[in-house]
Protein backbone atom coordinates (compact mmCIF):
# COMPACT_ATOMS: atom_id res chain seq x y z
CA MET A 1 28.97 -17.93 3.64
CA LEU A 2 25.35 -17.39 2.88
CA GLN A 3 22.42 -16.29 5.05
CA VAL A 4 18.53 -17.27 4.83
CA GLY A 5 15.88 -14.30 5.72
CA ILE A 6 12.51 -13.39 5.24
CA ALA A 7 12.25 -11.20 2.80
CA LYS A 8 10.52 -7.53 3.76
CA ASP A 9 11.27 -5.08 1.04
CA SER A 10 8.79 -6.12 -2.07
CA THR A 11 11.47 -3.15 -4.27
CA GLU A 12 14.53 -5.12 -3.14
CA TRP A 13 12.40 -9.05 -4.26
CA ASN A 14 11.09 -7.35 -7.08
CA ASP A 15 14.42 -5.98 -8.79
CA ILE A 16 15.97 -9.34 -8.69
CA VAL A 17 12.74 -11.11 -10.09
CA ASP A 18 13.31 -8.55 -13.12
CA LYS A 19 17.50 -9.20 -13.01
CA SER A 20 17.32 -13.16 -12.96
CA PRO A 21 16.92 -14.72 -17.08
CA PHE A 22 15.29 -17.70 -14.77
CA SER A 23 12.40 -15.92 -13.41
CA VAL A 24 8.71 -16.41 -13.44
CA LEU A 25 5.67 -14.79 -12.92
CA PHE A 26 4.72 -16.28 -9.47
CA HIS A 27 8.09 -15.45 -8.63
CA ARG A 28 7.27 -11.49 -7.87
CA TYR A 29 6.82 -10.18 -4.50
CA GLU A 30 3.51 -9.11 -4.95
CA LEU A 31 1.76 -13.27 -5.84
CA GLN A 32 3.28 -13.80 -2.08
CA GLY A 33 -0.32 -12.39 -1.13
CA PHE A 34 -2.21 -15.33 -2.81
CA MET A 35 -0.28 -18.01 -1.07
CA LYS A 36 -1.73 -18.60 2.42
CA GLY A 37 1.14 -18.84 5.13
CA ALA A 38 3.53 -17.62 2.76
CA LEU A 39 7.20 -16.96 3.53
CA PRO A 40 8.95 -15.60 1.05
CA LEU A 41 12.95 -16.87 1.74
CA ILE A 42 16.02 -14.27 0.78
CA ILE A 43 19.05 -16.50 0.78
CA LYS A 44 21.87 -13.80 0.41
CA GLU A 45 25.93 -14.07 -0.25
CA ASP A 46 28.71 -11.54 -0.63
CA LYS A 47 27.96 -11.08 -4.27
CA HIS A 48 24.65 -13.23 -5.34
CA CYS A 49 21.46 -14.32 -3.61
CA PHE A 50 18.39 -16.48 -4.27
CA LEU A 51 14.95 -15.74 -3.70
CA PHE A 52 12.61 -19.01 -2.94
CA PRO A 53 8.57 -17.94 -2.30
CA LEU A 54 7.28 -20.83 -0.07
CA SER A 55 4.39 -21.16 1.92
CA ILE A 56 3.72 -23.02 5.35
CA ARG A 57 0.75 -25.78 5.51
CA ARG A 58 0.07 -27.78 8.39
CA LEU A 59 -1.27 -31.92 7.91
CA PHE A 60 -2.44 -32.69 11.30
CA LYS A 61 -2.58 -29.21 12.84
CA ASN A 62 0.92 -29.76 14.21
CA LEU A 63 3.09 -31.05 10.88
CA GLY A 64 4.82 -28.57 8.84
CA LEU A 65 5.15 -28.16 5.21
CA ALA A 66 7.07 -25.86 3.04
CA VAL A 67 5.65 -25.80 -0.48
CA SER A 68 6.63 -23.65 -3.39
CA PRO A 69 3.91 -22.26 -6.21
CA ILE A 70 4.69 -25.91 -7.92
CA TYR A 71 2.47 -25.85 -11.18
CA ASP A 72 3.18 -22.65 -11.92
CA TYR A 73 7.23 -23.11 -12.10
CA ALA A 74 8.57 -20.83 -9.10
CA SER A 75 11.14 -22.76 -7.47
CA ILE A 76 13.82 -21.45 -6.01
CA LEU A 77 15.73 -18.29 -7.74
CA PRO A 78 19.18 -18.01 -8.41
CA ASP A 79 19.99 -13.91 -9.42
CA SER A 80 21.93 -14.32 -12.03
CA GLU A 81 23.19 -17.44 -14.45
CA GLU A 82 26.96 -16.64 -12.35
CA ALA A 83 25.06 -18.22 -9.51
CA LEU A 84 23.91 -21.18 -10.41
CA ASP A 85 26.73 -23.14 -8.42
CA LEU A 86 25.64 -22.16 -5.29
CA ILE A 87 22.37 -23.96 -5.73
CA PRO A 88 23.29 -27.03 -3.65
CA GLU A 89 24.67 -24.40 -0.89
CA ALA A 90 21.38 -22.02 -0.68
CA LEU A 91 19.13 -25.34 -0.65
CA ASP A 92 21.33 -26.59 2.39
CA HIS A 93 21.14 -23.27 4.46
CA VAL A 94 17.37 -23.17 3.53
CA VAL A 95 16.85 -26.98 5.31
CA ASP A 96 18.64 -25.45 8.10
CA PHE A 97 16.08 -22.76 8.63
CA LEU A 98 13.23 -24.63 8.19
CA HIS A 99 14.59 -26.43 10.79
CA GLU A 100 14.63 -24.25 12.77
CA MET A 101 10.77 -23.15 12.37
CA ASN A 102 10.09 -26.70 12.93
CA ILE A 103 8.88 -27.89 9.36
CA GLU A 104 9.09 -31.94 8.32
CA TYR A 105 8.53 -31.53 4.65
CA LEU A 106 10.01 -29.47 1.15
CA SER A 107 8.41 -29.47 -2.01
CA THR A 108 9.75 -27.97 -4.73
CA CYS A 109 10.21 -28.27 -8.89
CA ALA A 110 12.79 -27.72 -11.29
CA PRO A 111 11.59 -26.70 -15.03
CA THR A 112 13.41 -28.20 -17.47
CA PHE A 113 12.48 -25.04 -19.45
CA CYS A 114 15.26 -23.13 -17.62
CA PRO A 115 19.08 -23.82 -18.37
CA LYS A 116 19.93 -27.64 -18.24
CA ALA A 117 22.93 -26.35 -15.43
CA TYR A 118 19.67 -25.31 -13.02
CA THR A 119 17.88 -28.67 -13.75
CA THR A 120 20.94 -30.86 -13.26
CA LEU A 121 21.64 -29.03 -10.56
CA VAL A 122 18.89 -28.85 -8.33
CA ASN A 123 17.54 -32.38 -9.56
CA SER A 124 21.08 -33.85 -7.99
CA TRP A 125 20.80 -32.41 -4.50
CA PHE A 126 17.39 -33.77 -3.69
CA SER A 127 18.28 -37.01 -5.59
CA GLU A 128 21.27 -37.08 -3.04
CA ARG A 129 18.64 -36.60 -0.31
CA LYS A 130 16.34 -39.26 -1.86
CA ALA A 131 13.50 -36.94 -2.33
CA SER A 132 10.83 -38.79 -4.28
CA VAL A 133 10.06 -37.50 -8.00
CA GLN A 134 7.30 -36.69 -9.68
CA VAL A 135 7.00 -36.17 -13.49
CA MET A 136 4.53 -33.87 -14.64
CA TYR A 137 3.95 -33.00 -18.63
CA ALA A 138 3.83 -29.25 -19.62
CA ASP A 139 2.54 -28.92 -23.24
CA MET A 140 4.34 -26.08 -24.12
CA MET A 141 4.71 -24.38 -27.73
CA ARG A 142 8.71 -22.45 -29.05
CA THR A 143 8.09 -19.37 -29.55
CA LYS A 144 11.23 -17.61 -29.46
CA ASN A 145 13.12 -17.00 -33.09
CA THR A 146 9.80 -18.80 -35.11
CA THR A 147 6.90 -16.82 -36.62
CA PHE A 148 3.51 -17.79 -36.50
CA GLU A 149 3.35 -18.56 -40.22
CA ASP A 150 6.23 -21.27 -39.44
CA ILE A 151 3.85 -22.39 -36.39
CA TRP A 152 0.79 -22.71 -38.33
CA LYS A 153 2.69 -24.94 -41.14
CA ARG A 154 4.78 -27.07 -39.18
CA ARG A 155 3.29 -27.90 -36.04
CA PHE A 156 -0.70 -27.19 -36.57
CA ASN A 157 -2.48 -30.47 -38.24
CA LYS A 158 -4.92 -30.27 -40.88
CA ASN A 159 -8.14 -30.76 -38.49
CA ALA A 160 -6.58 -27.89 -36.23
CA ARG A 161 -6.32 -25.60 -39.50
CA TYR A 162 -9.96 -26.52 -40.85
CA LYS A 163 -10.94 -25.87 -36.77
CA VAL A 164 -9.37 -21.95 -37.38
CA ARG A 165 -10.40 -21.50 -40.39
CA LYS A 166 -13.90 -22.23 -39.52
CA ALA A 167 -14.18 -19.65 -36.58
CA LYS A 168 -13.17 -17.24 -39.25
CA ARG A 169 -16.44 -18.51 -41.65
CA GLU A 170 -18.61 -18.61 -38.86
CA GLY A 171 -17.84 -14.90 -37.67
CA ILE A 172 -15.84 -15.23 -34.34
CA ASP A 173 -13.91 -12.28 -33.64
CA ILE A 174 -10.70 -12.63 -31.08
CA ILE A 175 -10.56 -9.15 -27.96
CA ARG A 176 -7.89 -8.99 -25.72
CA ILE A 177 -10.06 -7.72 -22.39
CA ASP A 178 -7.58 -5.04 -20.72
CA THR A 179 -9.84 -2.82 -18.33
CA LYS A 180 -11.59 -2.59 -15.31
CA ASP A 181 -14.33 -1.27 -17.42
CA GLU A 182 -13.81 -3.64 -20.18
CA ILE A 183 -14.30 -6.51 -17.27
CA HIS A 184 -17.76 -5.65 -15.69
CA THR A 185 -18.85 -4.66 -19.73
CA TRP A 186 -18.27 -8.76 -20.27
CA ILE A 187 -18.71 -10.27 -16.70
CA GLU A 188 -22.21 -11.38 -17.48
CA ASP A 189 -20.83 -13.40 -21.00
CA ILE A 190 -17.96 -14.53 -19.00
CA HIS A 191 -20.00 -15.98 -16.06
CA GLN A 192 -22.62 -17.98 -18.34
CA CYS A 193 -19.44 -19.48 -20.00
CA ASN A 194 -18.29 -20.34 -16.07
CA LEU A 195 -21.95 -21.99 -15.88
CA SER A 196 -21.86 -23.97 -18.93
CA ALA A 197 -17.99 -25.28 -18.88
CA LEU A 198 -18.89 -26.00 -15.24
CA GLU A 199 -22.03 -28.35 -16.42
CA ARG A 200 -19.93 -29.64 -19.15
CA GLN A 201 -17.66 -30.83 -16.21
CA GLY A 202 -20.02 -32.07 -13.61
CA ARG A 203 -18.83 -29.18 -11.14
CA THR A 204 -22.12 -27.53 -10.80
CA GLY A 205 -21.79 -24.58 -8.29
CA ALA A 206 -18.06 -24.52 -8.24
CA TYR A 207 -16.41 -21.55 -6.47
CA PRO A 208 -15.94 -18.92 -7.36
CA ASP A 209 -16.62 -19.11 -10.72
CA SER A 210 -20.45 -19.64 -10.24
CA HIS A 211 -20.54 -16.91 -8.35
CA LYS A 212 -20.68 -13.49 -10.43
CA GLU A 213 -20.06 -10.89 -8.11
CA VAL A 214 -16.91 -12.78 -5.93
CA TYR A 215 -15.89 -13.74 -10.01
CA LEU A 216 -16.18 -10.12 -10.82
CA SER A 217 -14.40 -9.25 -7.87
CA GLU A 218 -11.63 -11.67 -8.01
CA LEU A 219 -10.69 -10.71 -11.87
CA ILE A 220 -10.28 -6.89 -11.34
CA SER A 221 -7.99 -7.76 -8.30
CA THR A 222 -6.00 -9.57 -9.93
CA LYS A 223 -5.82 -7.49 -12.75
CA MET A 224 -5.08 -4.64 -10.74
CA ARG A 225 -2.19 -6.15 -8.74
CA LEU A 226 -0.76 -7.95 -11.93
CA GLY A 227 -1.48 -5.19 -14.32
CA LYS A 228 0.00 -6.01 -17.97
CA PHE A 229 1.11 -9.89 -16.47
CA PHE A 230 -2.57 -10.54 -16.38
CA ASN A 231 -4.85 -11.01 -19.86
CA ILE A 232 -7.84 -12.11 -20.57
CA TYR A 233 -8.37 -12.85 -24.64
CA GLY A 234 -12.37 -13.37 -25.33
CA ALA A 235 -13.80 -15.17 -28.48
CA VAL A 236 -16.95 -12.88 -29.53
CA TYR A 237 -19.43 -14.34 -31.89
CA GLY A 238 -22.04 -11.04 -32.89
CA ASN A 239 -22.27 -9.13 -29.36
CA ARG A 240 -21.56 -12.28 -27.35
CA LEU A 241 -18.58 -13.27 -25.41
CA ILE A 242 -18.21 -17.17 -26.31
CA ALA A 243 -15.26 -18.21 -24.72
CA TYR A 244 -11.88 -17.12 -23.08
CA MET A 245 -8.96 -17.71 -22.22
CA ILE A 246 -6.68 -16.03 -19.06
CA VAL A 247 -3.16 -15.87 -19.50
CA HIS A 248 -0.28 -15.32 -17.62
CA GLU A 249 3.16 -13.05 -19.16
CA TYR A 250 6.33 -12.65 -17.92
CA ASN A 251 9.99 -13.17 -18.89
CA ARG A 252 9.71 -15.79 -21.33
CA LEU A 253 7.06 -17.44 -20.99
CA MET A 254 3.34 -17.30 -21.67
CA GLU A 255 1.18 -19.55 -19.35
CA LEU A 256 -2.54 -20.55 -19.96
CA THR A 257 -4.19 -20.37 -16.65
CA LYS A 258 -7.74 -21.27 -17.52
CA ALA A 259 -10.42 -21.76 -20.65
CA MET A 260 -14.18 -21.73 -20.35
CA SER A 261 -16.20 -22.07 -23.29
CA HIS A 262 -20.30 -21.88 -23.76
CA THR A 263 -21.35 -25.20 -24.28
CA ALA A 264 -23.74 -23.91 -26.90
CA PHE A 265 -21.52 -21.93 -29.49
CA LEU A 266 -18.39 -25.12 -29.38
CA LYS A 267 -19.29 -25.73 -32.76
CA LYS A 268 -18.20 -22.65 -33.88
CA CYS A 269 -14.50 -23.64 -32.40
CA PRO A 270 -13.47 -20.51 -30.36
CA ASN A 271 -11.04 -22.21 -28.37
CA ASP A 272 -9.39 -23.03 -31.74
CA ALA A 273 -9.56 -19.29 -32.53
CA LEU A 274 -8.30 -18.44 -29.29
CA ILE A 275 -5.23 -20.49 -28.84
CA ALA A 276 -3.77 -19.55 -32.30
CA TYR A 277 -4.58 -15.75 -31.37
CA ILE A 278 -2.78 -15.94 -28.44
CA LEU A 279 0.33 -18.21 -29.99
CA ARG A 280 0.70 -15.54 -32.59
CA GLU A 281 0.78 -13.02 -29.74
CA ALA A 282 3.93 -14.80 -28.09
CA CYS A 283 5.84 -15.40 -31.58
CA GLU A 284 4.83 -11.20 -32.25
CA ARG A 285 5.61 -10.17 -28.80
CA GLY A 286 9.01 -12.36 -28.63
CA PHE A 287 8.36 -14.49 -25.70
CA ASP A 288 10.23 -17.56 -25.52
CA LEU A 289 7.52 -20.36 -24.30
CA PHE A 290 3.93 -20.27 -24.80
CA GLU A 291 2.16 -22.91 -22.15
CA TYR A 292 -1.20 -24.51 -22.19
CA GLY A 293 -1.40 -26.71 -19.09
CA LEU A 294 0.09 -30.17 -17.15
CA ASP A 295 -1.01 -33.31 -17.20
CA ARG A 296 0.32 -35.60 -14.81
CA VAL A 297 1.18 -38.60 -17.94
CA SER A 298 2.33 -38.22 -21.76
CA ARG A 299 0.70 -38.99 -24.24
CA ARG A 300 3.26 -41.41 -25.86
CA GLY A 301 3.23 -43.38 -22.33
CA LYS A 302 0.81 -46.65 -21.57
CA MET A 303 -0.69 -44.39 -18.45
CA PRO A 304 -4.33 -43.04 -19.85
CA SER A 305 -4.84 -39.22 -18.87
CA LEU A 306 -7.18 -38.27 -16.56
CA HIS A 307 -8.26 -35.25 -19.50
CA PRO A 308 -8.16 -37.28 -22.48
CA GLU A 309 -10.75 -34.83 -24.72
CA LEU A 310 -8.26 -32.16 -23.51
CA GLN A 311 -4.57 -33.69 -24.42
CA MET A 312 -6.67 -34.47 -27.46
CA PHE A 313 -7.01 -31.11 -28.10
CA ARG A 314 -3.68 -29.48 -27.14
CA SER A 315 -1.87 -32.59 -29.61
CA LYS A 316 -3.26 -31.19 -32.74
CA PHE A 317 -2.09 -27.53 -32.19
CA GLY A 318 2.06 -29.72 -31.93
CA PHE A 319 2.29 -28.47 -28.43
CA GLU A 320 5.68 -30.35 -26.89
CA GLU A 321 5.44 -32.37 -24.00
CA ILE A 322 8.12 -30.79 -21.47
CA PRO A 323 8.76 -32.39 -18.77
CA ILE A 324 8.84 -31.06 -15.29
CA PHE A 325 10.27 -32.57 -12.12
CA ILE A 326 8.81 -32.41 -9.08
CA TYR A 327 10.51 -32.91 -5.50
CA ARG A 328 8.93 -34.16 -2.13
CA LEU A 329 11.31 -34.30 -0.10
CA GLY A 330 11.11 -35.21 3.76
CA LEU A 331 13.49 -33.23 6.39
CA ASN A 332 13.05 -35.82 9.30
CA GLN A 333 11.38 -38.94 10.04
CA ALA A 334 7.89 -37.54 10.21
CA GLY A 335 8.59 -36.01 7.05
CA ARG A 336 9.28 -39.13 5.08
CA MET A 337 5.99 -41.05 6.28
CA ILE A 338 4.83 -37.47 4.37
CA GLN A 339 6.50 -37.82 1.39
CA ARG A 340 5.53 -41.34 1.17
CA LEU A 341 2.12 -40.27 1.68
CA PHE A 342 2.08 -38.22 -1.12
CA TYR A 343 4.29 -40.65 -3.19
CA ILE A 344 1.28 -43.65 -2.79
CA ARG A 345 -1.74 -40.27 -3.18
CA GLU A 346 0.25 -39.38 -6.49
CA TYR A 347 0.23 -43.23 -8.04
CA ALA A 348 -3.70 -43.95 -7.05
CA ILE A 349 -4.49 -40.70 -9.04
CA ILE A 350 -2.66 -41.45 -11.77
CA GLY A 351 -3.84 -45.25 -11.97
CA SER A 352 -7.41 -43.86 -11.40
CA GLY A 353 -7.16 -43.57 -15.37
CA PHE A 354 -7.85 -46.93 -16.14
CA VAL A 355 -11.20 -47.24 -13.90
CA PRO A 356 -14.90 -45.91 -15.45
CA GLU A 357 -15.31 -42.39 -16.12
CA ALA A 358 -18.19 -41.75 -13.05
CA ILE A 359 -15.18 -42.77 -10.26
CA ARG A 360 -12.12 -41.23 -12.18
CA GLY A 361 -14.18 -37.73 -12.43
CA PHE A 362 -14.50 -37.71 -8.72
CA TRP A 363 -10.35 -37.98 -8.53
CA ARG A 364 -9.83 -35.60 -11.18
CA ARG A 365 -12.42 -32.61 -9.42
CA LEU A 366 -10.31 -33.56 -6.19
CA TYR A 367 -7.16 -33.67 -7.13
CA GLU A 368 -6.10 -31.94 -10.30
CA PRO A 369 -3.51 -29.11 -10.26
CA LYS A 370 -4.17 -25.75 -8.53
CA ARG A 371 -2.51 -22.56 -10.13
CA ARG A 372 -2.76 -20.53 -6.97
CA GLN A 373 -4.47 -17.52 -8.92
CA VAL A 374 -7.55 -15.66 -8.85
CA SER A 375 -8.80 -19.41 -10.95
CA SER A 376 -8.03 -23.32 -10.51
CA PHE A 377 -6.69 -24.13 -13.84
CA LEU A 378 -9.38 -25.63 -15.38
CA THR A 379 -10.05 -25.68 -18.79
CA GLY A 380 -13.05 -26.72 -20.83
């Protein structure tokens, strides 16, 4: 008999996360602090258990929404492959628990880079309950059992290889910013990259990126909290940092969660050099996958992206589009209304790719996917 409760023991929780082959960084207990209204559920059975990191949000003050860290792939987590068959029963118990809390709506995801059995079980459970399904596309490079040299030859196109070589000729060096002191050392250049990128994106004044002391505090607090799982890679020209990328590194997956660069130095190709360097790290350190961002539409589809330049930039490195299924399920009549509203909203956002850039930019700034971390998922 499965039992659902709210987890209080961070050590027990993280022991399960470390044990599970399906875990990602945002399953860890310390990440719950980034989620407003965090509800870390633990579902126990005689031999197995599940974790489900949810956060409770309120719509119109009285409608409760339970949402997992969708864009960070932290869905329901079995402690082992042997527990997979219990996923439907575990989700049934979660819904009963949410009903008791007067929650109307549940939303989570099924990362398809997990074993097929996991995705199939989650998908079947939500499909049987007529959940809305949205497909997003993660640009990923498979780095397991391969070398960077093989990726360089077989995945990078001619333009990508040229840009990486050009960055080296221009004198670009890549560094890793590992410590609190190093973050302090480079914060002025990091701040200037933020300001330049935000101006280029039409988001001048965005918080917290535009506020140096606030951003410094968030970088340091996140590094202290996540340690080796949170890394900043910088492209240095002369004595100046001209671009940087923030990467989450945990279990099988490296995720690029933020990229900022100074417009004045883009011709030196610092972003290309950073991607190549981080991919080499992923291969040499034994990660299975490196993920560089999400898009609402596929490069092979008919719908235009809200980020066409970024989509083109990623494609030259040979990233594979991995579908990520997002489920939205109303748990009662009010929840089904919310489910329909979210479906209409996503349809409108995707369709806005056809409208003029000025209007499309508004949608992009308002609704692009956010990662619950020190910074939003924005590239530039």
